[in-house]
């Protein structure tokens, strides 16, 4: 099903393992080659770190927010560095 990316901005990220909100989504991370949303920039609740949540780590999308299995799904990624090719 197609949905607009605006429906996912400023939405809570909920963890199944912890059972509560762990982050809030920000801007989508869009692949310019195929215009697919590959992930979302997120801000963690506790430390306010900026992280990336990949689309493949999202288990479900509910009215309450995006559901992930474990907060470890996104904490191992930090903001990407720009690399000139």
C-alpha atoms as a PDB file:
ATOM      1  CA  UNK A   1       0.000   0.000   0.000  1.00  0.00           C
ATOM      2  CA  UNK A   2       1.293   3.454  -0.876  1.00  0.00           C
ATOM      3  CA  UNK A   3       1.385   6.098   1.826  1.00  0.00           C
ATOM      4  CA  UNK A   4       2.757   9.623   1.885  1.00  0.00           C
ATOM      5  CA  UNK A   5       6.017  10.128   3.770  1.00  0.00           C
ATOM      6  CA  UNK A   6       4.416  12.994   5.694  1.00  0.00           C
ATOM      7  CA  UNK A   7       2.364  10.418   7.590  1.00  0.00           C
ATOM      8  CA  UNK A   8       5.578   9.119   9.197  1.00  0.00           C
ATOM      9  CA  UNK A   9       7.215  12.404  10.266  1.00  0.00           C
ATOM     10  CA  UNK A  10       7.138  13.238  13.999  1.00  0.00           C
ATOM     11  CA  UNK A  11       5.690   9.825  14.851  1.00  0.00           C
ATOM     12  CA  UNK A  12       6.744   7.804  17.911  1.00  0.00           C
ATOM     13  CA  UNK A  13       8.972   4.751  17.473  1.00  0.00           C
ATOM     14  CA  UNK A  14       7.693   2.012  19.784  1.00  0.00           C
ATOM     15  CA  UNK A  15       9.739  -0.966  20.961  1.00  0.00           C
ATOM     16  CA  UNK A  16       8.127  -4.384  21.419  1.00  0.00           C
ATOM     17  CA  UNK A  17      10.837  -5.480  23.832  1.00  0.00           C
ATOM     18  CA  UNK A  18      10.637  -2.454  26.132  1.00  0.00           C
ATOM     19  CA  UNK A  19       6.952  -1.777  25.554  1.00  0.00           C
ATOM     20  CA  UNK A  20       7.235   1.989  25.285  1.00  0.00           C
ATOM     21  CA  UNK A  21       8.360   4.827  23.046  1.00  0.00           C
ATOM     22  CA  UNK A  22      12.110   4.938  22.380  1.00  0.00           C
ATOM     23  CA  UNK A  23      12.418   7.649  19.717  1.00  0.00           C
ATOM     24  CA  UNK A  24      10.597  10.065  17.418  1.00  0.00           C
ATOM     25  CA  UNK A  25      10.927   9.996  13.639  1.00  0.00           C
ATOM     26  CA  UNK A  26      12.146  12.974  11.686  1.00  0.00           C
ATOM     27  CA  UNK A  27      12.775  13.448   7.994  1.00  0.00           C
ATOM     28  CA  UNK A  28      12.645  10.445   5.662  1.00  0.00           C
ATOM     29  CA  UNK A  29      15.829   9.121   4.085  1.00  0.00           C
ATOM     30  CA  UNK A  30      14.988   8.786   0.372  1.00  0.00           C
ATOM     31  CA  UNK A  31      16.973   6.866  -2.237  1.00  0.00           C
ATOM     32  CA  UNK A  32      17.262   9.231  -5.237  1.00  0.00           C
ATOM     33  CA  UNK A  33      17.635   6.331  -7.713  1.00  0.00           C
ATOM     34  CA  UNK A  34      14.232   4.769  -7.119  1.00  0.00           C
ATOM     35  CA  UNK A  35      12.555   7.347  -4.813  1.00  0.00           C
ATOM     36  CA  UNK A  36      11.999   4.683  -2.151  1.00  0.00           C
ATOM     37  CA  UNK A  37      12.039   5.595   1.529  1.00  0.00           C
ATOM     38  CA  UNK A  38      15.040   3.661   2.864  1.00  0.00           C
ATOM     39  CA  UNK A  39      14.748   4.883   6.435  1.00  0.00           C
ATOM     40  CA  UNK A  40      14.088   7.760   8.788  1.00  0.00           C
ATOM     41  CA  UNK A  41      16.197  10.108  10.804  1.00  0.00           C
ATOM     42  CA  UNK A  42      15.199   9.678  14.452  1.00  0.00           C
ATOM     43  CA  UNK A  43      15.845  11.415  17.731  1.00  0.00           C
ATOM     44  CA  UNK A  44      16.255   9.141  20.708  1.00  0.00           C
ATOM     45  CA  UNK A  45      14.135   9.987  23.749  1.00  0.00           C
ATOM     46  CA  UNK A  46      16.730   9.610  26.495  1.00  0.00           C
ATOM     47  CA  UNK A  47      19.967  10.981  25.062  1.00  0.00           C
ATOM     48  CA  UNK A  48      18.525  13.088  22.204  1.00  0.00           C
ATOM     49  CA  UNK A  49      21.045  11.466  19.834  1.00  0.00           C
ATOM     50  CA  UNK A  50      20.269  11.645  16.142  1.00  0.00           C
ATOM     51  CA  UNK A  51      20.009   8.139  14.674  1.00  0.00           C
ATOM     52  CA  UNK A  52      18.820   6.379  11.540  1.00  0.00           C
ATOM     53  CA  UNK A  53      16.047   3.798  11.522  1.00  0.00           C
ATOM     54  CA  UNK A  54      16.112   1.647   8.382  1.00  0.00           C
ATOM     55  CA  UNK A  55      12.790   0.758   6.781  1.00  0.00           C
ATOM     56  CA  UNK A  56      13.650  -2.942   6.953  1.00  0.00           C
ATOM     57  CA  UNK A  57      13.763  -2.706  10.770  1.00  0.00           C
ATOM     58  CA  UNK A  58      10.189  -1.405  11.016  1.00  0.00           C
ATOM     59  CA  UNK A  59       7.990  -4.333  12.016  1.00  0.00           C
ATOM     60  CA  UNK A  60       4.596  -2.634  11.786  1.00  0.00           C
ATOM     61  CA  UNK A  61       2.977   0.745  11.295  1.00  0.00           C
ATOM     62  CA  UNK A  62       0.123   1.482  13.669  1.00  0.00           C
ATOM     63  CA  UNK A  63      -1.876   4.619  14.451  1.00  0.00           C
ATOM     64  CA  UNK A  64       0.209   4.934  17.644  1.00  0.00           C
ATOM     65  CA  UNK A  65       3.518   4.958  15.710  1.00  0.00           C
ATOM     66  CA  UNK A  66       6.162   2.805  14.054  1.00  0.00           C
ATOM     67  CA  UNK A  67       6.878  -0.500  15.807  1.00  0.00           C
ATOM     68  CA  UNK A  68      10.342  -2.066  16.000  1.00  0.00           C
ATOM     69  CA  UNK A  69      11.467  -5.280  17.708  1.00  0.00           C
ATOM     70  CA  UNK A  70      14.334  -3.888  19.742  1.00  0.00           C
ATOM     71  CA  UNK A  71      15.964  -0.481  20.245  1.00  0.00           C
ATOM     72  CA  UNK A  72      19.212  -2.090  19.102  1.00  0.00           C
ATOM     73  CA  UNK A  73      17.658  -2.011  15.602  1.00  0.00           C
ATOM     74  CA  UNK A  74      18.597   1.600  15.213  1.00  0.00           C
ATOM     75  CA  UNK A  75      21.235   2.435  17.837  1.00  0.00           C
ATOM     76  CA  UNK A  76      24.132   0.892  15.938  1.00  0.00           C
ATOM     77  CA  UNK A  77      23.695   3.466  13.172  1.00  0.00           C
ATOM     78  CA  UNK A  78      24.684   7.093  13.510  1.00  0.00           C
ATOM     79  CA  UNK A  79      24.431   9.927  11.043  1.00  0.00           C
ATOM     80  CA  UNK A  80      26.234   9.046   7.831  1.00  0.00           C
ATOM     81  CA  UNK A  81      29.431  10.739   6.830  1.00  0.00           C
ATOM     82  CA  UNK A  82      29.579  12.284   3.378  1.00  0.00           C
ATOM     83  CA  UNK A  83      32.069  10.530   1.156  1.00  0.00           C
ATOM     84  CA  UNK A  84      33.228  11.897  -2.169  1.00  0.00           C
ATOM     85  CA  UNK A  85      33.505   9.258  -4.864  1.00  0.00           C
END
